[in-house]
Amino acid sequence: MPIDDATLDLVKQSLIIMMKIAFPILAAGVVIGLIISIFQSVTSIQEQTLALVPKIFVMTAVTVAMLPWIAARLAEFAVEMFRLH
């Protein structure tokens, strides 16, 4: 069963939207993780939960703050998908 160009284009667009939505959330987690790792190295504190809890909090806060933007991107994508068929 051959895959046509339209299908590949839809998959490409879906992956790009997913990356655009996920990038700021993941970047916030990476930045806060780096800051906490530096803090743990400087203070010699090796507590695992010290790194996990702030990352969860920051990533959740970024997600909530970006929710209108995320919803707008998904709505635009959905309208575009319905327009194709």
N, C-alpha and C. Protein backbone atom coordinates (compact mmCIF):
# COMPACT_ATOMS: atom_id res chain seq x y z
N MET A 1 0.84 -1.17 0.00
CA MET A 1 0.00 0.00 0.00
C MET A 1 0.89 1.25 0.00
N PRO A 2 0.93 1.95 -1.10
CA PRO A 2 1.79 3.13 -1.16
C PRO A 2 1.22 4.30 -0.36
N ILE A 3 2.12 5.09 0.17
CA ILE A 3 1.74 6.26 0.94
C ILE A 3 1.84 7.47 0.02
N ASP A 4 0.77 8.22 -0.09
CA ASP A 4 0.79 9.38 -0.99
C ASP A 4 1.37 10.61 -0.30
N ASP A 5 1.66 11.61 -1.09
CA ASP A 5 2.29 12.84 -0.57
C ASP A 5 1.38 13.60 0.39
N ALA A 6 0.08 13.55 0.18
CA ALA A 6 -0.84 14.26 1.07
C ALA A 6 -0.78 13.68 2.48
N THR A 7 -0.70 12.37 2.59
CA THR A 7 -0.62 11.72 3.89
C THR A 7 0.68 12.10 4.59
N LEU A 8 1.77 12.07 3.85
CA LEU A 8 3.06 12.46 4.44
C LEU A 8 3.05 13.91 4.88
N ASP A 9 2.39 14.77 4.12
CA ASP A 9 2.30 16.18 4.49
C ASP A 9 1.49 16.36 5.78
N LEU A 10 0.41 15.61 5.92
CA LEU A 10 -0.40 15.68 7.15
C LEU A 10 0.40 15.22 8.36
N VAL A 11 1.14 14.14 8.20
CA VAL A 11 1.97 13.64 9.30
C VAL A 11 3.04 14.67 9.65
N LYS A 12 3.65 15.28 8.63
CA LYS A 12 4.67 16.29 8.86
C LYS A 12 4.09 17.49 9.62
N GLN A 13 2.92 17.96 9.19
CA GLN A 13 2.28 19.09 9.87
C GLN A 13 1.93 18.74 11.31
N SER A 14 1.44 17.53 11.53
CA SER A 14 1.09 17.10 12.89
C SER A 14 2.31 17.09 13.80
N LEU A 15 3.42 16.58 13.29
CA LEU A 15 4.64 16.52 14.10
C LEU A 15 5.20 17.92 14.38
N ILE A 16 5.10 18.81 13.41
CA ILE A 16 5.59 20.17 13.62
C ILE A 16 4.75 20.88 14.67
N ILE A 17 3.43 20.74 14.60
CA ILE A 17 2.56 21.35 15.62
C ILE A 17 2.88 20.79 17.00
N MET A 18 3.06 19.48 17.07
CA MET A 18 3.38 18.85 18.35
C MET A 18 4.70 19.38 18.92
N MET A 19 5.69 19.55 18.06
CA MET A 19 6.98 20.06 18.54
C MET A 19 6.87 21.52 18.97
N LYS A 20 6.11 22.32 18.24
CA LYS A 20 5.93 23.72 18.62
C LYS A 20 5.24 23.85 19.97
N ILE A 21 4.30 22.96 20.24
CA ILE A 21 3.58 23.00 21.51
C ILE A 21 4.45 22.47 22.66
N ALA A 22 5.19 21.41 22.41
CA ALA A 22 5.96 20.77 23.47
C ALA A 22 7.26 21.49 23.80
N PHE A 23 7.84 22.19 22.82
CA PHE A 23 9.16 22.78 23.03
C PHE A 23 9.24 23.74 24.22
N PRO A 24 8.34 24.73 24.35
CA PRO A 24 8.48 25.65 25.50
C PRO A 24 8.34 24.95 26.85
N ILE A 25 7.48 23.96 26.92
CA ILE A 25 7.28 23.23 28.17
C ILE A 25 8.53 22.43 28.52
N LEU A 26 9.07 21.72 27.52
CA LEU A 26 10.28 20.93 27.76
C LEU A 26 11.49 21.83 28.02
N ALA A 27 11.56 22.95 27.33
CA ALA A 27 12.68 23.88 27.55
C ALA A 27 12.66 24.42 28.98
N ALA A 28 11.47 24.72 29.50
CA ALA A 28 11.37 25.18 30.88
C ALA A 28 11.86 24.11 31.84
N GLY A 29 11.51 22.86 31.58
CA GLY A 29 11.97 21.75 32.42
C GLY A 29 13.48 21.58 32.37
N VAL A 30 14.05 21.73 31.19
CA VAL A 30 15.51 21.60 31.04
C VAL A 30 16.23 22.74 31.77
N VAL A 31 15.73 23.96 31.59
CA VAL A 31 16.38 25.12 32.24
C VAL A 31 16.32 25.00 33.75
N ILE A 32 15.15 24.69 34.30
CA ILE A 32 15.04 24.57 35.75
C ILE A 32 15.86 23.38 36.26
N GLY A 33 15.92 22.31 35.48
CA GLY A 33 16.74 21.15 35.86
C GLY A 33 18.22 21.50 35.90
N LEU A 34 18.66 22.30 34.94
CA LEU A 34 20.06 22.73 34.91
C LEU A 34 20.38 23.62 36.11
N ILE A 35 19.48 24.54 36.41
CA ILE A 35 19.68 25.42 37.56
C ILE A 35 19.75 24.62 38.85
N ILE A 36 18.85 23.67 39.01
CA ILE A 36 18.83 22.85 40.23
C ILE A 36 20.07 21.96 40.30
N SER A 37 20.52 21.43 39.16
CA SER A 37 21.73 20.60 39.15
C SER A 37 22.95 21.40 39.56
N ILE A 38 23.04 22.63 39.07
CA ILE A 38 24.16 23.50 39.48
C ILE A 38 24.08 23.78 40.98
N PHE A 39 22.87 24.09 41.46
CA PHE A 39 22.68 24.33 42.90
C PHE A 39 23.07 23.10 43.72
N GLN A 40 22.68 21.91 43.26
CA GLN A 40 23.02 20.69 44.00
C GLN A 40 24.53 20.44 43.98
N SER A 41 25.17 20.74 42.88
CA SER A 41 26.62 20.56 42.80
C SER A 41 27.36 21.51 43.74
N VAL A 42 26.88 22.76 43.79
CA VAL A 42 27.54 23.75 44.64
C VAL A 42 27.34 23.43 46.11
N THR A 43 26.15 22.99 46.48
CA THR A 43 25.86 22.74 47.90
C THR A 43 26.07 21.29 48.32
N SER A 44 26.41 20.43 47.41
CA SER A 44 26.62 18.99 47.68
C SER A 44 25.37 18.32 48.24
N ILE A 45 24.22 18.81 47.87
CA ILE A 45 22.95 18.17 48.25
C ILE A 45 22.58 17.20 47.13
N GLN A 46 22.39 15.94 47.45
CA GLN A 46 22.09 14.94 46.42
C GLN A 46 20.70 14.34 46.61
N GLU A 47 19.74 15.16 46.90
CA GLU A 47 18.36 14.71 47.10
C GLU A 47 17.65 14.69 45.75
N GLN A 48 17.11 13.53 45.37
CA GLN A 48 16.45 13.39 44.06
C GLN A 48 15.16 14.19 43.96
N THR A 49 14.41 14.25 45.05
CA THR A 49 13.14 14.97 44.98
C THR A 49 13.35 16.47 44.85
N LEU A 50 14.51 16.98 45.23
CA LEU A 50 14.81 18.39 45.08
C LEU A 50 14.80 18.79 43.61
N ALA A 51 15.19 17.88 42.73
CA ALA A 51 15.20 18.18 41.30
C ALA A 51 13.83 17.93 40.67
N LEU A 52 13.11 16.95 41.14
CA LEU A 52 11.86 16.54 40.50
C LEU A 52 10.70 17.50 40.78
N VAL A 53 10.50 17.87 42.00
CA VAL A 53 9.34 18.68 42.38
C VAL A 53 9.34 20.06 41.70
N PRO A 54 10.44 20.81 41.71
CA PRO A 54 10.41 22.10 41.01
C PRO A 54 10.19 21.97 39.51
N LYS A 55 10.75 20.92 38.90
CA LYS A 55 10.55 20.72 37.46
C LYS A 55 9.07 20.49 37.15
N ILE A 56 8.42 19.65 37.96
CA ILE A 56 6.99 19.40 37.75
C ILE A 56 6.20 20.68 37.93
N PHE A 57 6.52 21.45 38.96
CA PHE A 57 5.81 22.71 39.21
C PHE A 57 5.99 23.70 38.07
N VAL A 58 7.23 23.89 37.62
CA VAL A 58 7.51 24.86 36.55
C VAL A 58 6.88 24.42 35.24
N MET A 59 6.99 23.14 34.90
CA MET A 59 6.41 22.66 33.65
C MET A 59 4.89 22.77 33.67
N THR A 60 4.28 22.53 34.82
CA THR A 60 2.83 22.69 34.95
C THR A 60 2.44 24.16 34.83
N ALA A 61 3.21 25.04 35.46
CA ALA A 61 2.92 26.47 35.39
C ALA A 61 3.06 26.99 33.96
N VAL A 62 4.08 26.55 33.25
CA VAL A 62 4.27 26.96 31.85
C VAL A 62 3.11 26.45 31.00
N THR A 63 2.70 25.21 31.23
CA THR A 63 1.58 24.65 30.47
C THR A 63 0.30 25.44 30.71
N VAL A 64 0.01 25.75 31.95
CA VAL A 64 -1.20 26.53 32.28
C VAL A 64 -1.11 27.92 31.67
N ALA A 65 0.05 28.55 31.75
CA ALA A 65 0.21 29.90 31.20
C ALA A 65 0.07 29.90 29.67
N MET A 66 0.48 28.83 29.03
CA MET A 66 0.42 28.75 27.58
C MET A 66 -0.86 28.11 27.05
N LEU A 67 -1.76 27.75 27.92
CA LEU A 67 -2.97 27.04 27.49
C LEU A 67 -3.76 27.77 26.40
N PRO A 68 -3.96 29.08 26.49
CA PRO A 68 -4.68 29.75 25.39
C PRO A 68 -3.95 29.63 24.04
N TRP A 69 -2.63 29.78 24.08
CA TRP A 69 -1.84 29.66 22.86
C TRP A 69 -1.90 28.24 22.30
N ILE A 70 -1.79 27.25 23.19
CA ILE A 70 -1.86 25.85 22.77
C ILE A 70 -3.22 25.55 22.15
N ALA A 71 -4.29 26.02 22.79
CA ALA A 71 -5.64 25.78 22.27
C ALA A 71 -5.82 26.45 20.90
N ALA A 72 -5.26 27.64 20.74
CA ALA A 72 -5.37 28.33 19.45
C ALA A 72 -4.64 27.58 18.35
N ARG A 73 -3.44 27.08 18.64
CA ARG A 73 -2.69 26.31 17.64
C ARG A 73 -3.44 25.03 17.26
N LEU A 74 -3.99 24.34 18.26
CA LEU A 74 -4.71 23.10 17.97
C LEU A 74 -6.00 23.38 17.20
N ALA A 75 -6.67 24.49 17.52
CA ALA A 75 -7.90 24.84 16.80
C ALA A 75 -7.58 25.19 15.35
N GLU A 76 -6.50 25.94 15.12
CA GLU A 76 -6.09 26.25 13.75
C GLU A 76 -5.77 24.98 12.97
N PHE A 77 -5.08 24.06 13.61
CA PHE A 77 -4.73 22.81 12.96
C PHE A 77 -5.98 22.00 12.64
N ALA A 78 -6.92 21.94 13.59
CA ALA A 78 -8.16 21.19 13.36
C ALA A 78 -8.97 21.80 12.22
N VAL A 79 -9.06 23.12 12.18
CA VAL A 79 -9.79 23.77 11.08
C VAL A 79 -9.13 23.44 9.75
N GLU A 80 -7.82 23.48 9.73
CA GLU A 80 -7.10 23.15 8.49
C GLU A 80 -7.35 21.70 8.07
N MET A 81 -7.39 20.80 9.03
CA MET A 81 -7.61 19.39 8.71
C MET A 81 -9.03 19.16 8.17
N PHE A 82 -10.00 19.82 8.77
CA PHE A 82 -11.39 19.67 8.30
C PHE A 82 -11.58 20.33 6.93
N ARG A 83 -10.82 21.36 6.67
CA ARG A 83 -10.92 22.05 5.39
C ARG A 83 -10.39 21.18 4.26
N LEU A 84 -9.45 20.29 4.56
CA LEU A 84 -8.86 19.44 3.52
C LEU A 84 -9.84 18.39 3.01
N HIS A 85 -10.78 17.99 3.85
CA HIS A 85 -11.68 16.90 3.42
C HIS A 85 -13.02 17.40 3.10
